[in-house]
Amino acid sequence: MKKSNAIKGQSDKTHPLCALMVEEQDQNLKATFDANDNRCRYHSKEAKDKQVPLLSQGMCPVAYLNLYPTLFALHLNQNESLIKFDPKGHQISCPLGSEGVSFKVHRTKVELSPVERGKNLLRKMANIVMPVELFDKHTYIEAVDEGQGCPLGIKKGDSFYFNLDQTDEFCPAAFNSVYPLLGKGKNNFAVGCPDYRTNVKFSLQEDIPQPTAKETANCDSYSSKIKITHVYGDFESPIKQNRWYSLDEVIQACGIRCYASFHVAFPYLYTLYNGGQLGFLTRDRQSAGICCPNTTSLIKYIVSKDNKNRYKYSSQNTHSDCPRKIEKGEEIIIDKFEESIPFYYALYDLYASLKKIESLGEVQERQIETSITSFKGSSGLVWSVLRSPDVIGS
């Protein structure tokens, strides 16, 4: 079966995501950050320049986020036999599907200096006792097919590195959390990285703003309807194909409680699925501490895979202003996570595209239906996002 082409919306020649990415590139947008201390290796409190470009290397940010869980999983994997996909043959499409750009992710050994080899040896020795992040491999993205042309100018053969040390660019984990919420109009408020210890905040304004109550509630609020229009591969899904759902209905069906928090948690869950080790803020290889992107009503979680092979994230606190009313001690268990990987990866992919589309403003007179694809190798699905001034029935 031929994969669906999503480069065109039903009423527009240019996909709205592409138009927005070009606009952001032309504006050369920068995010201002503030940090609690100097423990973040990317964005420290004492940094002289407190701004980082929203886009870097000429890479499409939404396509990058589609790749991010795979990049993260490869970077943190120390046993290639546990990786569930073949990196050499694993092709990942941008949100436009077969008419857009396709990418592969590569990992190669880094040529270390004698000093760096010594440091890496010490890290490996420490890793025997507790989980330590290693930096002896270079992970990068290669464009392998440019489809019918990328509005951002990405060509076949272009490569982009996974940033591990450049302080004048975004931390990858922070970018994953904050980029979908840094946009035009109502979504432009301060959002935070997943490390609640350093609590780095970002905004498109020169000063970190204090969000209003409406903006705080917007962190996990959605006005669109969505449905699955095409499915490729054999996997389970908690929702039906060709039926319109509100995002609240999808959140309830999946049991994820908060879509924004799921988006932060998924790369960690996917890393565990592919045999990677975590340990961030927990010193436990099978878990990591993270937090939601809402810096005002911040909820902390422990992401983990337990001895029953359950993938979950558990809340460590509550906050009276949390729009989802997350309670301390809630266990959000992803049912049949391994059997439903393509669905949950697609749900992760949809988040950034959806937030960006909704940041364009309210629909005034007509329905606008937009396709968003999620292909990883031979599996995936196509979403349709419907924005309308009217309430849409199922």
Protein backbone atom coordinates (compact mmCIF):
# COMPACT_ATOMS: atom_id res chain seq x y z
CA MET A 1 0.00 0.00 0.00
CA LYS A 2 1.37 3.41 -0.95
CA LYS A 3 2.01 5.75 1.97
CA SER A 4 -0.24 8.78 2.13
CA ASN A 5 1.09 12.16 1.05
CA ALA A 6 0.43 14.89 3.56
CA ILE A 7 2.32 17.81 2.05
CA LYS A 8 -0.93 19.55 1.17
CA GLY A 9 -3.81 20.48 3.45
CA GLN A 10 -7.27 20.23 1.96
CA SER A 11 -7.49 23.94 1.19
CA ASP A 12 -3.90 25.18 1.13
CA LYS A 13 -1.08 24.49 -1.32
CA THR A 14 1.53 24.79 1.41
CA HIS A 15 1.30 22.73 4.56
CA PRO A 16 0.67 25.14 7.46
CA LEU A 17 3.56 23.64 9.41
CA CYS A 18 5.96 24.40 6.55
CA ALA A 19 4.69 27.96 6.31
CA LEU A 20 5.21 28.45 10.04
CA MET A 21 8.70 26.91 9.99
CA VAL A 22 9.73 29.27 7.16
CA GLU A 23 8.30 32.23 9.08
CA GLU A 24 10.24 31.27 12.22
CA GLN A 25 13.42 30.85 10.16
CA ASP A 26 12.97 34.24 8.48
CA GLN A 27 12.41 35.95 11.83
CA ASN A 28 15.59 34.41 13.29
CA LEU A 29 13.79 33.93 16.60
CA LYS A 30 15.76 33.56 19.81
CA ALA A 31 14.69 32.22 23.19
CA THR A 32 15.78 33.91 26.40
CA PHE A 33 16.60 31.58 29.30
CA ASP A 34 17.10 31.80 33.05
CA ALA A 35 18.53 29.09 35.32
CA ASN A 36 18.61 28.34 39.06
CA ASP A 37 22.32 27.50 39.12
CA ASN A 38 25.31 26.44 37.00
CA ARG A 39 24.74 22.68 36.94
CA CYS A 40 23.29 22.61 33.42
CA ARG A 41 26.14 22.13 30.93
CA TYR A 42 24.20 24.04 28.27
CA HIS A 43 22.37 26.91 30.00
CA SER A 44 23.98 28.13 33.22
CA LYS A 45 22.95 30.94 35.53
CA GLU A 46 26.24 32.76 34.92
CA ALA A 47 26.15 32.52 31.11
CA LYS A 48 27.02 35.87 29.52
CA ASP A 49 24.62 35.40 26.62
CA LYS A 50 21.18 34.34 27.86
CA GLN A 51 19.73 33.81 24.40
CA VAL A 52 19.78 30.78 22.10
CA PRO A 53 18.43 30.57 18.52
CA LEU A 54 15.10 28.79 18.26
CA LEU A 55 16.28 27.08 15.06
CA SER A 56 19.82 25.86 14.42
CA GLN A 57 21.83 24.13 11.70
CA GLY A 58 19.04 24.77 9.17
CA MET A 59 17.13 21.76 10.51
CA CYS A 60 13.33 21.79 10.56
CA PRO A 61 12.43 21.82 14.28
CA VAL A 62 9.26 19.73 13.95
CA ALA A 63 11.09 17.10 11.88
CA TYR A 64 13.87 17.17 14.48
CA LEU A 65 11.40 16.42 17.26
CA ASN A 66 10.09 13.45 15.23
CA LEU A 67 13.66 12.15 15.33
CA TYR A 68 14.48 13.12 18.91
CA PRO A 69 13.34 9.95 20.76
CA THR A 70 15.42 7.84 18.35
CA LEU A 71 18.46 10.12 18.76
CA PHE A 72 18.05 10.05 22.55
CA ALA A 73 17.67 6.26 22.63
CA LEU A 74 20.79 5.72 20.50
CA HIS A 75 22.86 8.17 22.56
CA LEU A 76 21.99 6.43 25.83
CA ASN A 77 22.29 2.87 24.56
CA GLN A 78 25.45 1.01 25.61
CA ASN A 79 24.50 -2.40 24.20
CA GLU A 80 23.55 -2.35 20.53
CA SER A 81 22.07 -5.86 20.70
CA LEU A 82 19.20 -4.42 22.78
CA ILE A 83 18.15 -1.82 20.17
CA LYS A 84 14.76 -2.82 18.73
CA PHE A 85 15.34 -1.18 15.33
CA ASP A 86 18.12 -1.34 12.75
CA PRO A 87 19.75 2.12 12.75
CA LYS A 88 21.28 1.50 9.31
CA GLY A 89 17.93 0.76 7.69
CA HIS A 90 15.56 2.75 9.91
CA GLN A 91 14.15 5.63 7.86
CA ILE A 92 12.10 8.35 9.58
CA SER A 93 9.81 10.73 7.70
CA CYS A 94 9.11 14.36 8.46
CA PRO A 95 5.44 15.24 9.23
CA LEU A 96 4.72 15.66 5.51
CA GLY A 97 5.04 11.96 4.75
CA SER A 98 6.31 10.55 1.47
CA GLU A 99 6.42 13.93 -0.28
CA GLY A 100 8.53 15.41 2.51
CA VAL A 101 12.08 14.75 3.66
CA SER A 102 13.16 11.35 4.98
CA PHE A 103 16.02 10.94 7.44
CA LYS A 104 18.25 8.31 8.99
CA VAL A 105 20.01 8.49 12.33
CA HIS A 106 23.65 7.41 12.59
CA ARG A 107 26.02 6.76 15.45
CA THR A 108 29.80 6.69 15.01
CA LYS A 109 32.77 6.54 17.36
CA VAL A 110 34.32 9.86 18.32
CA GLU A 111 38.04 10.47 17.90
CA LEU A 112 38.97 11.53 21.43
CA SER A 113 42.06 13.42 22.51
CA PRO A 114 44.31 11.71 25.10
CA VAL A 115 42.76 13.87 27.83
CA GLU A 116 39.22 13.05 26.70
CA ARG A 117 40.08 9.34 26.46
CA GLY A 118 41.18 9.49 30.09
CA LYS A 119 37.96 11.22 31.13
CA ASN A 120 35.92 8.69 29.19
CA LEU A 121 37.72 5.80 30.88
CA LEU A 122 36.87 7.30 34.27
CA ARG A 123 33.22 7.64 33.21
CA LYS A 124 33.13 3.99 32.14
CA MET A 125 34.61 2.91 35.47
CA ALA A 126 32.07 5.03 37.36
CA ASN A 127 29.32 3.56 35.16
CA ILE A 128 29.98 0.15 36.70
CA VAL A 129 28.72 1.49 40.02
CA MET A 130 26.03 3.93 38.88
CA PRO A 131 24.62 5.16 35.54
CA VAL A 132 26.89 7.71 33.85
CA GLU A 133 26.28 9.40 30.50
CA LEU A 134 29.07 8.56 28.02
CA PHE A 135 30.31 10.80 25.20
CA ASP A 136 32.45 8.44 23.10
CA LYS A 137 29.97 8.22 20.21
CA HIS A 138 28.65 10.87 17.85
CA THR A 139 24.94 10.72 16.94
CA TYR A 140 23.74 12.64 13.92
CA ILE A 141 20.93 12.96 11.36
CA GLU A 142 21.25 12.49 7.60
CA ALA A 143 18.64 13.52 5.03
CA VAL A 144 18.34 10.54 2.66
CA ASP A 145 15.41 11.66 0.49
CA GLU A 146 14.17 15.23 -0.05
CA GLY A 147 10.82 14.20 -1.52
CA GLN A 148 9.28 17.00 -3.56
CA GLY A 149 11.40 19.66 -1.94
CA CYS A 150 11.68 21.12 1.54
CA PRO A 151 10.60 24.77 2.08
CA LEU A 152 13.50 25.14 4.52
CA GLY A 153 15.96 23.99 1.85
CA ILE A 154 16.96 20.63 3.33
CA LYS A 155 18.61 18.53 0.62
CA LYS A 156 19.55 14.87 0.28
CA GLY A 157 22.92 14.34 1.95
CA ASP A 158 22.55 17.18 4.48
CA SER A 159 23.57 16.19 8.00
CA PHE A 160 22.79 17.63 11.42
CA TYR A 161 24.48 16.78 14.72
CA PHE A 162 22.83 15.85 18.01
CA ASN A 163 24.02 18.65 20.28
CA LEU A 164 25.94 17.35 23.31
CA ASP A 165 28.16 20.30 24.17
CA GLN A 166 27.31 23.47 22.21
CA THR A 167 26.26 26.09 24.77
CA ASP A 168 25.14 28.56 22.10
CA GLU A 169 22.39 26.15 21.02
CA PHE A 170 19.46 24.49 22.77
CA CYS A 171 19.93 21.51 25.04
CA PRO A 172 18.11 18.73 23.10
CA ALA A 173 15.99 17.65 26.09
CA ALA A 174 15.02 21.25 26.83
CA PHE A 175 14.14 21.86 23.18
CA ASN A 176 11.87 18.82 23.17
CA SER A 177 9.98 20.17 26.17
CA VAL A 178 9.74 23.85 25.35
CA TYR A 179 9.68 24.30 21.56
CA PRO A 180 6.05 23.19 21.02
CA LEU A 181 4.92 25.80 23.56
CA LEU A 182 7.11 28.64 22.28
CA GLY A 183 5.06 30.11 19.49
CA LYS A 184 2.90 32.91 18.32
CA GLY A 185 0.27 34.64 20.43
CA LYS A 186 -1.34 32.78 23.29
CA ASN A 187 1.34 30.07 23.60
CA ASN A 188 4.21 32.51 24.20
CA PHE A 189 4.93 32.18 27.91
CA ALA A 190 7.81 30.85 30.00
CA VAL A 191 8.27 27.08 29.74
CA GLY A 192 10.83 24.85 31.39
CA CYS A 193 13.27 22.04 30.67
CA PRO A 194 12.62 18.53 32.09
CA ASP A 195 15.37 18.87 34.75
CA TYR A 196 13.50 20.26 37.76
CA ARG A 197 16.78 20.64 39.64
CA THR A 198 18.24 23.29 37.33
CA ASN A 199 14.75 24.51 36.32
CA VAL A 200 15.90 26.40 33.22
CA LYS A 201 13.07 28.56 31.88
CA PHE A 202 12.68 29.81 28.31
CA SER A 203 10.63 32.52 26.61
CA LEU A 204 10.55 34.29 23.26
CA GLN A 205 10.42 37.58 25.17
CA GLU A 206 13.63 39.30 26.29
CA ASP A 207 12.54 39.00 29.92
CA ILE A 208 11.07 35.83 31.40
CA PRO A 209 7.36 36.69 31.77
CA GLN A 210 4.97 35.65 34.48
CA PRO A 211 2.17 33.67 32.82
CA THR A 212 -1.46 34.63 33.31
CA ALA A 213 -3.97 32.13 34.64
CA LYS A 214 -5.30 31.64 31.09
CA GLU A 215 -1.83 30.92 29.72
CA THR A 216 -1.14 28.48 32.55
CA ALA A 217 -4.32 26.57 31.70
CA ASN A 218 -3.27 26.55 28.03
CA CYS A 219 -0.30 24.28 28.69
CA ASP A 220 -2.51 21.22 28.05
CA SER A 221 -5.56 22.68 26.33
CA TYR A 222 -6.56 21.83 22.75
CA SER A 223 -9.33 23.02 20.44
CA SER A 224 -8.86 20.59 17.51
CA LYS A 225 -10.33 17.21 16.75
CA ILE A 226 -8.09 14.40 15.49
CA LYS A 227 -8.48 11.03 13.81
CA ILE A 228 -6.28 8.29 12.39
CA THR A 229 -6.79 8.06 8.62
CA HIS A 230 -4.16 5.46 7.62
CA VAL A 231 -2.30 2.75 9.52
CA TYR A 232 0.87 0.97 8.30
CA GLY A 233 2.15 -2.10 10.09
CA ASP A 234 0.70 -4.45 12.68
CA PHE A 235 0.39 -2.85 16.11
CA GLU A 236 -2.24 -2.13 18.72
CA SER A 237 -3.98 1.21 19.20
CA PRO A 238 -6.19 2.40 22.07
CA ILE A 239 -8.34 4.46 19.66
CA LYS A 240 -10.21 3.51 16.48
CA GLN A 241 -9.30 4.47 12.92
CA ASN A 242 -11.48 6.92 10.94
CA ARG A 243 -13.24 8.35 13.99
CA TRP A 244 -12.93 11.93 15.23
CA TYR A 245 -11.75 12.39 18.81
CA SER A 246 -11.16 15.40 21.01
CA LEU A 247 -7.72 15.43 22.61
CA ASP A 248 -9.33 14.92 26.01
CA GLU A 249 -10.94 11.73 24.69
CA VAL A 250 -7.56 10.50 23.38
CA ILE A 251 -5.87 11.33 26.68
CA GLN A 252 -8.56 9.37 28.53
CA ALA A 253 -8.39 6.39 26.15
CA CYS A 254 -4.60 6.20 26.49
CA GLY A 255 -4.60 6.83 30.24
CA ILE A 256 -1.79 9.39 29.95
CA ARG A 257 -3.58 12.10 32.02
CA CYS A 258 -1.59 15.03 30.56
CA TYR A 259 -0.50 15.22 26.92
CA ALA A 260 2.31 17.74 27.58
CA SER A 261 3.82 15.49 30.27
CA PHE A 262 3.52 12.43 28.03
CA HIS A 263 5.45 14.32 25.33
CA VAL A 264 8.28 14.94 27.82
CA ALA A 265 8.21 11.36 29.14
CA PHE A 266 8.06 9.44 25.85
CA PRO A 267 11.75 9.76 24.79
CA TYR A 268 12.76 8.31 28.19
CA LEU A 269 10.26 5.45 27.84
CA TYR A 270 11.46 4.79 24.28
CA THR A 271 15.06 4.72 25.51
CA LEU A 272 14.16 2.07 28.08
CA TYR A 273 12.32 0.10 25.38
CA ASN A 274 15.53 0.09 23.32
CA GLY A 275 17.78 -1.06 26.15
CA GLY A 276 19.23 2.33 27.06
CA GLN A 277 20.05 3.42 30.57
CA LEU A 278 18.74 6.55 32.27
CA GLY A 279 19.59 7.60 35.83
CA PHE A 280 18.98 11.36 35.52
CA LEU A 281 18.13 12.65 39.02
CA THR A 282 17.57 9.07 40.27
CA ARG A 283 20.91 7.22 39.80
CA ASP A 284 18.82 4.23 38.74
CA ARG A 285 19.47 2.83 35.24
CA GLN A 286 15.78 2.02 34.74
CA SER A 287 14.37 5.42 35.73
CA ALA A 288 14.80 9.18 35.46
CA GLY A 289 13.40 12.29 37.09
CA ILE A 290 11.58 14.70 34.77
CA CYS A 291 8.98 17.44 35.04
CA CYS A 292 6.21 18.95 32.94
CA PRO A 293 6.99 22.14 30.97
CA ASN A 294 4.66 24.38 33.01
CA THR A 295 7.03 26.38 35.24
CA THR A 296 4.18 27.86 37.31
CA SER A 297 2.34 24.70 38.31
CA LEU A 298 5.26 22.32 37.81
CA ILE A 299 4.63 18.60 38.32
CA LYS A 300 7.61 16.28 38.86
CA TYR A 301 7.63 12.66 37.69
CA ILE A 302 9.75 9.53 37.86
CA VAL A 303 9.79 7.75 34.48
CA SER A 304 10.56 4.05 34.78
CA LYS A 305 10.22 0.50 33.58
CA ASP A 306 9.46 -1.75 36.53
CA ASN A 307 10.20 -5.43 37.17
CA LYS A 308 6.80 -6.33 35.68
CA ASN A 309 7.90 -4.75 32.37
CA ARG A 310 5.44 -1.88 32.82
CA TYR A 311 6.34 1.50 31.34
CA LYS A 312 5.13 4.34 33.52
CA TYR A 313 5.71 7.76 35.00
CA SER A 314 4.71 8.54 38.58
CA SER A 315 3.93 12.00 39.94
CA GLN A 316 6.05 13.18 42.86
CA ASN A 317 3.99 16.22 43.85
CA THR A 318 0.76 18.07 43.18
CA HIS A 319 -0.07 21.72 42.53
CA SER A 320 -3.36 23.54 43.01
CA ASP A 321 -3.01 25.32 39.63
CA CYS A 322 -2.31 22.19 37.56
CA PRO A 323 -5.01 22.19 34.85
CA ARG A 324 -5.07 18.37 34.82
CA LYS A 325 -5.31 18.15 38.62
CA ILE A 326 -2.47 15.64 38.84
CA GLU A 327 -2.24 14.26 42.38
CA LYS A 328 0.92 13.24 44.22
CA GLY A 329 1.62 9.54 43.86
CA GLU A 330 -0.37 8.98 40.65
CA GLU A 331 1.04 6.12 38.57
CA ILE A 332 0.48 6.71 34.87
CA ILE A 333 1.01 3.27 33.35
CA ILE A 334 1.12 3.00 29.53
CA ASP A 335 -0.96 -0.08 28.79
CA LYS A 336 0.57 -2.43 26.19
CA PHE A 337 3.36 0.03 25.49
CA GLU A 338 5.59 -2.42 23.61
CA GLU A 339 2.71 -3.77 21.50
CA SER A 340 1.66 -0.19 20.64
CA ILE A 341 5.02 1.52 20.05
CA PRO A 342 4.16 2.95 16.58
CA PHE A 343 0.94 4.43 17.98
CA TYR A 344 2.60 6.06 20.99
CA TYR A 345 5.49 7.35 18.90
CA ALA A 346 2.89 8.84 16.51
CA LEU A 347 1.04 10.39 19.45
CA TYR A 348 4.34 11.92 20.59
CA ASP A 349 4.98 13.21 17.04
CA LEU A 350 1.54 14.78 16.82
CA TYR A 351 2.01 16.96 19.91
CA ALA A 352 4.47 19.50 18.50
CA SER A 353 2.65 19.73 15.17
CA LEU A 354 -0.68 20.21 16.91
CA LYS A 355 0.57 22.91 19.29
CA LYS A 356 2.17 24.78 16.39
CA ILE A 357 -0.95 24.54 14.23
CA GLU A 358 -3.14 25.77 17.08
CA SER A 359 -0.75 28.66 17.78
CA LEU A 360 -1.73 30.12 14.39
CA GLY A 361 -4.95 31.43 15.93
CA GLU A 362 -8.63 30.65 15.88
CA VAL A 363 -10.44 29.41 12.77
CA GLN A 364 -13.01 32.01 11.80
CA GLU A 365 -15.25 30.83 8.97
CA ARG A 366 -14.42 27.35 7.72
CA GLN A 367 -13.05 24.00 8.75
CA ILE A 368 -9.38 23.38 8.07
CA GLU A 369 -8.19 19.78 7.93
CA THR A 370 -4.45 19.08 8.01
CA SER A 371 -2.60 15.76 7.69
CA ILE A 372 0.34 14.88 9.96
CA THR A 373 2.33 11.70 9.32
CA SER A 374 4.45 9.54 11.59
CA PHE A 375 6.55 6.88 9.83
CA LYS A 376 9.37 4.98 11.52
CA GLY A 377 10.75 2.34 9.21
CA SER A 378 7.79 0.45 7.73
CA SER A 379 5.35 1.25 10.56
CA GLY A 380 3.36 4.31 11.40
CA LEU A 381 0.14 6.16 10.82
CA VAL A 382 -1.37 9.35 9.43
CA TRP A 383 -3.30 11.78 11.60
CA SER A 384 -5.88 14.25 10.40
CA VAL A 385 -6.24 17.41 12.49
CA LEU A 386 -9.51 19.32 12.14
CA ARG A 387 -9.80 22.92 13.26
CA SER A 388 -13.26 24.37 13.09
CA PRO A 389 -15.28 27.25 14.54
CA ASP A 390 -18.06 24.76 15.30
CA VAL A 391 -18.28 21.75 17.56
CA ILE A 392 -17.68 18.58 15.56
CA GLY A 393 -19.57 15.46 16.38
CA SER A 394 -18.02 12.01 16.40
